[in-house]
Structures are given as structure tokens and as C-alpha cells.
């Protein structure tokens, strides 16, 4: 059985490949794709099948998915182009006759008001139209979204606009393991998984960072409009600043809190508590 992971040169895709291998998949049954196969050379040396696949190049997708049985479509990061790109992958998967297409989406994508989820909602609708057996993996926030910003937090503190709103966070590897579980077998066609770990506030994340690092990381809450100004002042394009500030608005409104045990059920164990997850993400 050919288990395909698209976007395997990215962080989530790489974690999924590693999780498949760790869970007993034979390397020759795992197919890792990316725009630059050279970045997957180490996987090829371990026996993983490596192919080029560019979401914007339909011919490459047709070649990459030939013989595929189950495919994980890791959402792209080219805002404004993602719906067309994801649809192209789905068409190639349909032509290959895959038995399952799984897609990494956003929490409550079909109903949320989050700006970030708009392309996910449109993608989900396009995927349903293909008639493919589909599993939606609606990942909430990564712990690493915050730990990666530690140098900035050290200098300026943690600035947000989420108030006491809660966001469900888990490690990237935990979401990847859930995706690997879906690829490895079982009846997941038609399933929508709302995936998230512990629901925490941004002040609690700042406190966990402080605890793990032994440094004082303060959280400063500001209005959404002020956060937009801060982000643009830091060099983000205006459109991107609006999207990222809107995430905090969504957190304040409860739109990134995922009160389900879907992630735990797919993992077979509870996601790590916040402090432990922060420590792992920071390598402490």
C-alpha cells in the first residue's frame, strides 16, 4: 500500500513521514513528495520513495500520485493560491483512484469567522465536490507557533489581543501522529476530526515559557487594531498582519478552542500538558 505525504519538505509533513515509519510502515510503502526532492534525500537513503510534486504543476502531481492508495494533503502556505493548488492535488488523487484523501484544515473551517480559515473552507468544499473518500484533519494551533517567537518575547514580551480567550494547542509532532494514524488504516472516510490539545490562555503560555526558561516572559494584551500596527511595524505586510491579529480576535471569541477528544483518540494517549509541550518544543 502506497501512503503519500505531500509537502514532506515542510515541518508537519516531515513529522508525518517520521511518524509513519515509527509506527511500523515499511519505508518502501511511504511516498514523500515536495517541490525540491533534494531536500528529501535523507529519506530516500532510508528507503522512502521520493517524488517531486509541486501544487502549482498538475503534471508533477499526476506523476507523483501514480499508484497511490492513501494521500495526506498538507495544506500549502501560498495565501491566495491555496484553493486552486489543493484542488489540483485532489484531481490528481481522483485520477489515481486513491481510497482516501486526508486534508489538514483549520478548526471549524466551514463555520468559523477566522480570516485564516477562509481558504480552508473553500478547499473543503472543493474536495467534497470531487467525490473522493475524504477525511478532514482540522488542526488547532501548534505550541511551536509560540515557542518559535521566544527571542522576540525576550526582547518585547508576549503581545497579543486574545484577552482571557482559550486556544487549544498541541505539538506539531502530535498532529502529525494523528495524521499518520489516519493514513495507516481504519475507516476514516467521511470523518471530520477537530484536533487540539489543552485549551490555554496566552497569559498561561507566557507563564509556561517563563517556567521552562527561568526568564520572566510577560504577556501584554492590546486591542486588535493595536496588534495590527505592531505587526506591520515589525515588517509584516498589512494583509498578513490583519490575518494574524484576527487569530487573536478569534481566540478571544473561542474560535480556536477545540473541546473534543479527537486528537487523544487518534494518538491513543492524551496530548502533553502545556508546560511539558513547551519544554519539548524548546528542547529543554
C-alpha atoms as a PDB file:
ATOM      1  CA  UNK A   1       0.000   0.000   0.000  1.00  0.00           C
ATOM      2  CA  UNK A   2       1.372   3.388  -1.024  1.00  0.00           C
ATOM      3  CA  UNK A   3       0.968   6.052   1.684  1.00  0.00           C
ATOM      4  CA  UNK A   4       1.637   9.509   0.282  1.00  0.00           C
ATOM      5  CA  UNK A   5       2.589  12.596   2.278  1.00  0.00           C
ATOM      6  CA  UNK A   6       2.599  15.803   0.273  1.00  0.00           C
ATOM      7  CA  UNK A   7       4.649  18.758   1.428  1.00  0.00           C
ATOM      8  CA  UNK A   8       7.110  16.420   3.128  1.00  0.00           C
ATOM      9  CA  UNK A   9       9.828  19.071   2.934  1.00  0.00           C
ATOM     10  CA  UNK A  10       7.835  21.130   5.432  1.00  0.00           C
ATOM     11  CA  UNK A  11       7.872  20.642   9.180  1.00  0.00           C
ATOM     12  CA  UNK A  12       4.468  18.975   9.558  1.00  0.00           C
ATOM     13  CA  UNK A  13       4.910  16.733   6.503  1.00  0.00           C
ATOM     14  CA  UNK A  14       8.336  15.577   7.682  1.00  0.00           C
ATOM     15  CA  UNK A  15       6.892  14.722  11.096  1.00  0.00           C
ATOM     16  CA  UNK A  16       4.149  12.665   9.418  1.00  0.00           C
ATOM     17  CA  UNK A  17       6.699  10.638   7.443  1.00  0.00           C
ATOM     18  CA  UNK A  18       8.725  10.011  10.586  1.00  0.00           C
ATOM     19  CA  UNK A  19       5.586   9.002  12.472  1.00  0.00           C
ATOM     20  CA  UNK A  20       4.572   6.544   9.745  1.00  0.00           C
ATOM     21  CA  UNK A  21       7.986   4.880   9.941  1.00  0.00           C
ATOM     22  CA  UNK A  22       7.964   4.863  13.742  1.00  0.00           C
ATOM     23  CA  UNK A  23       4.551   3.186  13.708  1.00  0.00           C
ATOM     24  CA  UNK A  24       5.733   0.326  11.537  1.00  0.00           C
ATOM     25  CA  UNK A  25       5.130   1.407   7.945  1.00  0.00           C
ATOM     26  CA  UNK A  26       7.646  -0.104   5.566  1.00  0.00           C
ATOM     27  CA  UNK A  27       9.831   2.623   4.024  1.00  0.00           C
ATOM     28  CA  UNK A  28       9.019   1.411   0.528  1.00  0.00           C
ATOM     29  CA  UNK A  29       5.311   1.911   1.219  1.00  0.00           C
ATOM     30  CA  UNK A  30       5.820   5.555   2.180  1.00  0.00           C
ATOM     31  CA  UNK A  31       5.961   8.150  -0.581  1.00  0.00           C
ATOM     32  CA  UNK A  32       7.237  11.590   0.372  1.00  0.00           C
ATOM     33  CA  UNK A  33       6.745  14.463  -2.048  1.00  0.00           C
ATOM     34  CA  UNK A  34       7.952  18.032  -2.271  1.00  0.00           C
ATOM     35  CA  UNK A  35       8.866  20.713  -4.751  1.00  0.00           C
ATOM     36  CA  UNK A  36      12.570  20.061  -4.152  1.00  0.00           C
ATOM     37  CA  UNK A  37      13.218  16.305  -3.826  1.00  0.00           C
ATOM     38  CA  UNK A  38      16.849  17.001  -2.950  1.00  0.00           C
ATOM     39  CA  UNK A  39      15.620  18.102   0.473  1.00  0.00           C
ATOM     40  CA  UNK A  40      14.227  14.584   0.944  1.00  0.00           C
ATOM     41  CA  UNK A  41      17.462  12.789   0.047  1.00  0.00           C
ATOM     42  CA  UNK A  42      17.985  11.509   3.581  1.00  0.00           C
ATOM     43  CA  UNK A  43      14.561   9.843   3.483  1.00  0.00           C
ATOM     44  CA  UNK A  44      15.397   8.244   0.145  1.00  0.00           C
ATOM     45  CA  UNK A  45      18.557   6.815   1.721  1.00  0.00           C
ATOM     46  CA  UNK A  46      16.313   5.150   4.322  1.00  0.00           C
ATOM     47  CA  UNK A  47      14.187   3.523   1.616  1.00  0.00           C
ATOM     48  CA  UNK A  48      11.330   6.017   1.458  1.00  0.00           C
ATOM     49  CA  UNK A  49      10.060   6.662  -2.066  1.00  0.00           C
ATOM     50  CA  UNK A  50      10.667  10.291  -3.005  1.00  0.00           C
ATOM     51  CA  UNK A  51       8.977  12.160  -5.852  1.00  0.00           C
ATOM     52  CA  UNK A  52       8.687  15.747  -6.970  1.00  0.00           C
ATOM     53  CA  UNK A  53       5.259  17.294  -6.540  1.00  0.00           C
ATOM     54  CA  UNK A  54       4.531  20.993  -6.992  1.00  0.00           C
ATOM     55  CA  UNK A  55       0.994  22.074  -6.104  1.00  0.00           C
ATOM     56  CA  UNK A  56       1.148  24.558  -8.991  1.00  0.00           C
ATOM     57  CA  UNK A  57       2.295  21.952 -11.534  1.00  0.00           C
ATOM     58  CA  UNK A  58      -0.548  19.480 -12.293  1.00  0.00           C
ATOM     59  CA  UNK A  59       1.714  17.245 -14.391  1.00  0.00           C
ATOM     60  CA  UNK A  60       4.046  16.726 -11.436  1.00  0.00           C
ATOM     61  CA  UNK A  61       1.067  15.834  -9.248  1.00  0.00           C
ATOM     62  CA  UNK A  62      -0.164  13.213 -11.703  1.00  0.00           C
ATOM     63  CA  UNK A  63       3.263  11.589 -11.766  1.00  0.00           C
ATOM     64  CA  UNK A  64       3.761  11.810  -8.022  1.00  0.00           C
ATOM     65  CA  UNK A  65       0.428  10.206  -7.109  1.00  0.00           C
ATOM     66  CA  UNK A  66       0.591   7.348  -9.574  1.00  0.00           C
ATOM     67  CA  UNK A  67      -0.170   4.116  -7.684  1.00  0.00           C
ATOM     68  CA  UNK A  68      -1.156   5.954  -4.503  1.00  0.00           C
ATOM     69  CA  UNK A  69      -3.639   4.366  -2.094  1.00  0.00           C
ATOM     70  CA  UNK A  70      -3.916   6.876   0.747  1.00  0.00           C
ATOM     71  CA  UNK A  71      -2.851  10.500   0.484  1.00  0.00           C
ATOM     72  CA  UNK A  72      -2.304  13.206   3.058  1.00  0.00           C
ATOM     73  CA  UNK A  73      -2.670  16.654   1.511  1.00  0.00           C
ATOM     74  CA  UNK A  74      -0.735  19.000   3.769  1.00  0.00           C
ATOM     75  CA  UNK A  75      -2.164  22.463   3.188  1.00  0.00           C
ATOM     76  CA  UNK A  76       0.113  24.859   1.343  1.00  0.00           C
ATOM     77  CA  UNK A  77       1.341  28.228   2.543  1.00  0.00           C
ATOM     78  CA  UNK A  78       0.897  30.395  -0.559  1.00  0.00           C
ATOM     79  CA  UNK A  79      -2.035  32.540   0.524  1.00  0.00           C
ATOM     80  CA  UNK A  80      -4.375  33.395  -2.310  1.00  0.00           C
ATOM     81  CA  UNK A  81      -3.339  30.358  -4.337  1.00  0.00           C
ATOM     82  CA  UNK A  82      -4.110  27.530  -1.967  1.00  0.00           C
ATOM     83  CA  UNK A  83      -7.630  26.634  -3.098  1.00  0.00           C
ATOM     84  CA  UNK A  84      -6.526  26.139  -6.708  1.00  0.00           C
ATOM     85  CA  UNK A  85      -3.420  24.275  -5.608  1.00  0.00           C
ATOM     86  CA  UNK A  86      -5.272  21.958  -3.241  1.00  0.00           C
ATOM     87  CA  UNK A  87      -7.931  21.279  -5.868  1.00  0.00           C
ATOM     88  CA  UNK A  88      -5.209  20.284  -8.322  1.00  0.00           C
ATOM     89  CA  UNK A  89      -3.889  17.738  -5.824  1.00  0.00           C
ATOM     90  CA  UNK A  90      -7.401  16.374  -5.308  1.00  0.00           C
ATOM     91  CA  UNK A  91      -7.917  15.953  -9.049  1.00  0.00           C
ATOM     92  CA  UNK A  92      -4.651  14.063  -9.357  1.00  0.00           C
ATOM     93  CA  UNK A  93      -5.694  11.881  -6.414  1.00  0.00           C
ATOM     94  CA  UNK A  94      -9.050  11.186  -8.048  1.00  0.00           C
ATOM     95  CA  UNK A  95      -7.335  10.245 -11.314  1.00  0.00           C
ATOM     96  CA  UNK A  96      -5.089   7.875  -9.346  1.00  0.00           C
ATOM     97  CA  UNK A  97      -8.144   6.229  -7.763  1.00  0.00           C
ATOM     98  CA  UNK A  98      -6.976   6.725  -4.181  1.00  0.00           C
ATOM     99  CA  UNK A  99      -9.016   5.085  -1.444  1.00  0.00           C
ATOM    100  CA  UNK A 100      -8.642   8.020   0.961  1.00  0.00           C
ATOM    101  CA  UNK A 101      -7.608  11.671   0.785  1.00  0.00           C
ATOM    102  CA  UNK A 102      -6.903  13.365   4.117  1.00  0.00           C
ATOM    103  CA  UNK A 103      -6.540  17.141   4.327  1.00  0.00           C
ATOM    104  CA  UNK A 104      -5.027  19.312   7.065  1.00  0.00           C
ATOM    105  CA  UNK A 105      -7.573  22.059   7.651  1.00  0.00           C
ATOM    106  CA  UNK A 106      -8.471  24.574  10.389  1.00  0.00           C
ATOM    107  CA  UNK A 107     -10.815  24.276  13.385  1.00  0.00           C
ATOM    108  CA  UNK A 108     -14.481  24.534  12.445  1.00  0.00           C
ATOM    109  CA  UNK A 109     -13.380  25.619   8.969  1.00  0.00           C
ATOM    110  CA  UNK A 110     -16.871  25.532   7.480  1.00  0.00           C
ATOM    111  CA  UNK A 111     -18.380  27.862  10.097  1.00  0.00           C
ATOM    112  CA  UNK A 112     -15.616  29.909  11.734  1.00  0.00           C
ATOM    113  CA  UNK A 113     -15.197  33.632  11.072  1.00  0.00           C
ATOM    114  CA  UNK A 114     -11.387  33.431  11.203  1.00  0.00           C
ATOM    115  CA  UNK A 115      -9.803  35.081   8.170  1.00  0.00           C
ATOM    116  CA  UNK A 116      -7.114  32.396   8.203  1.00  0.00           C
ATOM    117  CA  UNK A 117      -9.723  29.681   7.650  1.00  0.00           C
ATOM    118  CA  UNK A 118     -11.320  31.100   4.517  1.00  0.00           C
ATOM    119  CA  UNK A 119      -9.173  29.148   2.076  1.00  0.00           C
ATOM    120  CA  UNK A 120      -9.557  26.016   4.181  1.00  0.00           C
ATOM    121  CA  UNK A 121     -13.335  26.280   3.978  1.00  0.00           C
ATOM    122  CA  UNK A 122     -13.178  26.755   0.210  1.00  0.00           C
ATOM    123  CA  UNK A 123     -10.774  23.839  -0.103  1.00  0.00           C
ATOM    124  CA  UNK A 124     -13.032  21.559   1.928  1.00  0.00           C
ATOM    125  CA  UNK A 125     -15.953  22.432  -0.359  1.00  0.00           C
ATOM    126  CA  UNK A 126     -13.849  21.732  -3.455  1.00  0.00           C
ATOM    127  CA  UNK A 127     -12.648  18.418  -2.055  1.00  0.00           C
ATOM    128  CA  UNK A 128     -16.197  17.300  -1.319  1.00  0.00           C
ATOM    129  CA  UNK A 129     -17.133  18.064  -4.919  1.00  0.00           C
ATOM    130  CA  UNK A 130     -14.571  15.546  -6.194  1.00  0.00           C
ATOM    131  CA  UNK A 131     -16.489  12.695  -4.576  1.00  0.00           C
ATOM    132  CA  UNK A 132     -13.264  11.284  -3.136  1.00  0.00           C
ATOM    133  CA  UNK A 133     -13.363   9.390   0.173  1.00  0.00           C
ATOM    134  CA  UNK A 134     -12.297  12.252   2.404  1.00  0.00           C
ATOM    135  CA  UNK A 135     -11.018  12.752   5.958  1.00  0.00           C
ATOM    136  CA  UNK A 136     -10.681  16.269   7.331  1.00  0.00           C
ATOM    137  CA  UNK A 137      -7.979  16.842   9.931  1.00  0.00           C
ATOM    138  CA  UNK A 138      -8.810  20.234  11.398  1.00  0.00           C
ATOM    139  CA  UNK A 139      -5.675  21.083  13.342  1.00  0.00           C
ATOM    140  CA  UNK A 140      -5.813  23.787  16.007  1.00  0.00           C
ATOM    141  CA  UNK A 141      -2.716  25.751  16.990  1.00  0.00           C
ATOM    142  CA  UNK A 142       0.840  24.451  17.300  1.00  0.00           C
ATOM    143  CA  UNK A 143       2.757  25.009  20.529  1.00  0.00           C
ATOM    144  CA  UNK A 144       5.666  25.869  18.239  1.00  0.00           C
ATOM    145  CA  UNK A 145       3.750  28.915  16.948  1.00  0.00           C
ATOM    146  CA  UNK A 146       4.629  30.474  20.301  1.00  0.00           C
ATOM    147  CA  UNK A 147       7.913  28.838  21.288  1.00  0.00           C
ATOM    148  CA  UNK A 148       9.468  29.868  17.960  1.00  0.00           C
ATOM    149  CA  UNK A 149       8.924  33.502  18.971  1.00  0.00           C
ATOM    150  CA  UNK A 150      10.880  33.256  22.224  1.00  0.00           C
ATOM    151  CA  UNK A 151      13.665  35.622  21.043  1.00  0.00           C
ATOM    152  CA  UNK A 152      11.053  38.307  20.329  1.00  0.00           C
ATOM    153  CA  UNK A 153       9.285  37.659  23.629  1.00  0.00           C
ATOM    154  CA  UNK A 154      12.569  38.059  25.478  1.00  0.00           C
ATOM    155  CA  UNK A 155      13.036  41.495  23.960  1.00  0.00           C
ATOM    156  CA  UNK A 156       9.492  42.838  23.917  1.00  0.00           C
ATOM    157  CA  UNK A 157       7.363  40.497  25.989  1.00  0.00           C
ATOM    158  CA  UNK A 158       4.485  38.500  24.548  1.00  0.00           C
ATOM    159  CA  UNK A 159       1.994  40.866  22.925  1.00  0.00           C
ATOM    160  CA  UNK A 160      -1.462  39.677  21.921  1.00  0.00           C
ATOM    161  CA  UNK A 161      -5.108  40.626  21.637  1.00  0.00           C
ATOM    162  CA  UNK A 162      -6.744  37.443  22.925  1.00  0.00           C
ATOM    163  CA  UNK A 163      -7.584  38.547  26.458  1.00  0.00           C
ATOM    164  CA  UNK A 164      -8.582  35.526  28.523  1.00  0.00           C
ATOM    165  CA  UNK A 165      -9.729  33.557  25.475  1.00  0.00           C
ATOM    166  CA  UNK A 166      -8.505  29.987  25.192  1.00  0.00           C
ATOM    167  CA  UNK A 167      -6.676  28.312  22.322  1.00  0.00           C
ATOM    168  CA  UNK A 168      -6.192  24.542  22.023  1.00  0.00           C
ATOM    169  CA  UNK A 169      -2.502  23.796  21.496  1.00  0.00           C
ATOM    170  CA  UNK A 170      -0.505  20.658  20.783  1.00  0.00           C
ATOM    171  CA  UNK A 171       2.915  19.842  19.422  1.00  0.00           C
ATOM    172  CA  UNK A 172       3.395  19.614  15.680  1.00  0.00           C
ATOM    173  CA  UNK A 173       4.518  16.010  16.095  1.00  0.00           C
ATOM    174  CA  UNK A 174       1.241  15.175  17.860  1.00  0.00           C
ATOM    175  CA  UNK A 175      -0.868  16.451  14.982  1.00  0.00           C
ATOM    176  CA  UNK A 176       1.459  14.554  12.643  1.00  0.00           C
ATOM    177  CA  UNK A 177       0.996  11.331  14.587  1.00  0.00           C
ATOM    178  CA  UNK A 178      -2.782  11.735  14.307  1.00  0.00           C
ATOM    179  CA  UNK A 179      -2.447  12.117  10.546  1.00  0.00           C
ATOM    180  CA  UNK A 180      -0.234   9.033  10.381  1.00  0.00           C
ATOM    181  CA  UNK A 181      -2.884   7.047  12.245  1.00  0.00           C
ATOM    182  CA  UNK A 182      -5.452   8.000   9.613  1.00  0.00           C
ATOM    183  CA  UNK A 183      -3.121   7.043   6.769  1.00  0.00           C
ATOM    184  CA  UNK A 184      -2.191   3.698   8.259  1.00  0.00           C
ATOM    185  CA  UNK A 185      -5.673   2.220   8.163  1.00  0.00           C
ATOM    186  CA  UNK A 186      -9.159   2.115   9.559  1.00  0.00           C
ATOM    187  CA  UNK A 187     -12.384   3.570   8.253  1.00  0.00           C
ATOM    188  CA  UNK A 188     -11.846   7.323   8.221  1.00  0.00           C
ATOM    189  CA  UNK A 189     -13.726   8.188   5.026  1.00  0.00           C
ATOM    190  CA  UNK A 190     -16.280  10.882   5.746  1.00  0.00           C
ATOM    191  CA  UNK A 191     -14.741  11.734   9.124  1.00  0.00           C
ATOM    192  CA  UNK A 192     -14.092  15.271  10.324  1.00  0.00           C
ATOM    193  CA  UNK A 193     -11.664  15.449  13.217  1.00  0.00           C
ATOM    194  CA  UNK A 194     -11.467  18.610  15.300  1.00  0.00           C
ATOM    195  CA  UNK A 195      -7.958  18.281  16.683  1.00  0.00           C
ATOM    196  CA  UNK A 196      -6.480  20.193  19.591  1.00  0.00           C
ATOM    197  CA  UNK A 197      -4.658  19.748  22.859  1.00  0.00           C
ATOM    198  CA  UNK A 198      -5.124  21.557  26.165  1.00  0.00           C
ATOM    199  CA  UNK A 199      -7.100  24.794  25.914  1.00  0.00           C
ATOM    200  CA  UNK A 200      -4.980  27.558  27.421  1.00  0.00           C
ATOM    201  CA  UNK A 201      -4.811  31.348  27.538  1.00  0.00           C
ATOM    202  CA  UNK A 202      -1.961  33.401  26.147  1.00  0.00           C
ATOM    203  CA  UNK A 203      -1.017  34.515  29.681  1.00  0.00           C
ATOM    204  CA  UNK A 204      -0.754  30.826  30.603  1.00  0.00           C
ATOM    205  CA  UNK A 205       1.543  30.260  27.624  1.00  0.00           C
ATOM    206  CA  UNK A 206       3.703  33.185  28.767  1.00  0.00           C
ATOM    207  CA  UNK A 207       3.808  31.667  32.257  1.00  0.00           C
ATOM    208  CA  UNK A 208       4.845  28.268  30.882  1.00  0.00           C
ATOM    209  CA  UNK A 209       7.609  29.892  28.821  1.00  0.00           C
ATOM    210  CA  UNK A 210       8.778  31.706  31.944  1.00  0.00           C
ATOM    211  CA  UNK A 211       8.736  28.498  33.977  1.00  0.00           C
ATOM    212  CA  UNK A 212      10.651  26.450  31.411  1.00  0.00           C
ATOM    213  CA  UNK A 213      13.271  29.090  30.567  1.00  0.00           C
ATOM    214  CA  UNK A 214      13.672  30.579  34.020  1.00  0.00           C
ATOM    215  CA  UNK A 215      13.166  34.014  32.456  1.00  0.00           C
ATOM    216  CA  UNK A 216      10.288  36.408  33.003  1.00  0.00           C
ATOM    217  CA  UNK A 217       8.101  36.498  29.909  1.00  0.00           C
ATOM    218  CA  UNK A 218       5.272  38.959  30.451  1.00  0.00           C
ATOM    219  CA  UNK A 219       2.048  38.966  28.466  1.00  0.00           C
ATOM    220  CA  UNK A 220       0.711  42.334  27.284  1.00  0.00           C
ATOM    221  CA  UNK A 221      -2.849  42.476  25.998  1.00  0.00           C
ATOM    222  CA  UNK A 222      -3.697  45.139  23.429  1.00  0.00           C
ATOM    223  CA  UNK A 223      -6.665  45.880  21.134  1.00  0.00           C
ATOM    224  CA  UNK A 224      -6.704  44.063  17.790  1.00  0.00           C
ATOM    225  CA  UNK A 225      -6.094  47.310  15.890  1.00  0.00           C
ATOM    226  CA  UNK A 226      -3.017  47.994  18.001  1.00  0.00           C
ATOM    227  CA  UNK A 227      -1.713  44.487  17.357  1.00  0.00           C
ATOM    228  CA  UNK A 228      -2.081  45.095  13.623  1.00  0.00           C
ATOM    229  CA  UNK A 229       0.010  48.256  13.976  1.00  0.00           C
ATOM    230  CA  UNK A 230       2.663  46.402  15.968  1.00  0.00           C
ATOM    231  CA  UNK A 231       2.881  43.600  13.403  1.00  0.00           C
ATOM    232  CA  UNK A 232       3.119  45.960  10.447  1.00  0.00           C
ATOM    233  CA  UNK A 233       5.723  47.970  12.328  1.00  0.00           C
ATOM    234  CA  UNK A 234       7.720  44.755  12.710  1.00  0.00           C
ATOM    235  CA  UNK A 235       7.738  44.324   8.937  1.00  0.00           C
ATOM    236  CA  UNK A 236       4.722  42.133   8.193  1.00  0.00           C
ATOM    237  CA  UNK A 237       2.710  43.078   5.087  1.00  0.00           C
ATOM    238  CA  UNK A 238      -0.568  44.752   6.007  1.00  0.00           C
ATOM    239  CA  UNK A 239      -2.723  41.857   4.777  1.00  0.00           C
ATOM    240  CA  UNK A 240      -0.698  39.306   6.743  1.00  0.00           C
ATOM    241  CA  UNK A 241      -0.803  41.488   9.856  1.00  0.00           C
ATOM    242  CA  UNK A 242      -4.595  41.631   9.621  1.00  0.00           C
ATOM    243  CA  UNK A 243      -4.823  37.833   9.343  1.00  0.00           C
ATOM    244  CA  UNK A 244      -2.524  37.138  12.282  1.00  0.00           C
ATOM    245  CA  UNK A 245      -4.138  39.761  14.517  1.00  0.00           C
ATOM    246  CA  UNK A 246      -7.507  38.275  13.598  1.00  0.00           C
ATOM    247  CA  UNK A 247      -6.313  34.962  15.034  1.00  0.00           C
ATOM    248  CA  UNK A 248      -6.165  36.602  18.460  1.00  0.00           C
ATOM    249  CA  UNK A 249      -9.634  38.053  17.913  1.00  0.00           C
ATOM    250  CA  UNK A 250     -10.772  34.515  17.170  1.00  0.00           C
ATOM    251  CA  UNK A 251      -9.094  33.182  20.299  1.00  0.00           C
ATOM    252  CA  UNK A 252     -10.893  35.796  22.382  1.00  0.00           C
ATOM    253  CA  UNK A 253     -14.157  34.678  20.765  1.00  0.00           C
ATOM    254  CA  UNK A 254     -13.480  30.979  21.455  1.00  0.00           C
ATOM    255  CA  UNK A 255     -12.990  30.036  17.816  1.00  0.00           C
ATOM    256  CA  UNK A 256      -9.692  28.215  18.395  1.00  0.00           C
ATOM    257  CA  UNK A 257     -10.822  26.281  21.449  1.00  0.00           C
ATOM    258  CA  UNK A 258     -11.464  22.654  20.483  1.00  0.00           C
ATOM    259  CA  UNK A 259     -13.370  20.824  23.251  1.00  0.00           C
ATOM    260  CA  UNK A 260     -13.176  17.359  21.704  1.00  0.00           C
ATOM    261  CA  UNK A 261     -11.034  14.302  22.428  1.00  0.00           C
ATOM    262  CA  UNK A 262     -10.438  13.591  18.722  1.00  0.00           C
ATOM    263  CA  UNK A 263      -6.679  14.139  18.996  1.00  0.00           C
ATOM    264  CA  UNK A 264      -6.402  11.915  22.066  1.00  0.00           C
ATOM    265  CA  UNK A 265      -8.387   9.141  20.364  1.00  0.00           C
ATOM    266  CA  UNK A 266      -6.203   9.193  17.257  1.00  0.00           C
ATOM    267  CA  UNK A 267      -2.997   9.352  19.313  1.00  0.00           C
ATOM    268  CA  UNK A 268      -4.108   6.673  21.756  1.00  0.00           C
ATOM    269  CA  UNK A 269      -2.862   8.905  24.574  1.00  0.00           C
ATOM    270  CA  UNK A 270      -3.520  12.397  25.877  1.00  0.00           C
ATOM    271  CA  UNK A 271      -1.576  15.264  24.293  1.00  0.00           C
ATOM    272  CA  UNK A 272       1.156  16.625  26.515  1.00  0.00           C
ATOM    273  CA  UNK A 273       0.229  19.207  29.157  1.00  0.00           C
ATOM    274  CA  UNK A 274       1.233  22.755  28.254  1.00  0.00           C
ATOM    275  CA  UNK A 275       4.420  23.001  30.296  1.00  0.00           C
ATOM    276  CA  UNK A 276       5.728  19.641  29.071  1.00  0.00           C
ATOM    277  CA  UNK A 277       4.905  20.545  25.476  1.00  0.00           C
ATOM    278  CA  UNK A 278       6.691  23.897  25.787  1.00  0.00           C
ATOM    279  CA  UNK A 279       9.720  22.162  27.283  1.00  0.00           C
ATOM    280  CA  UNK A 280       9.846  19.655  24.432  1.00  0.00           C
ATOM    281  CA  UNK A 281       9.435  22.325  21.790  1.00  0.00           C
ATOM    282  CA  UNK A 282      12.324  24.285  23.325  1.00  0.00           C
ATOM    283  CA  UNK A 283      14.474  21.164  23.721  1.00  0.00           C
ATOM    284  CA  UNK A 284      14.625  21.563  27.497  1.00  0.00           C
END
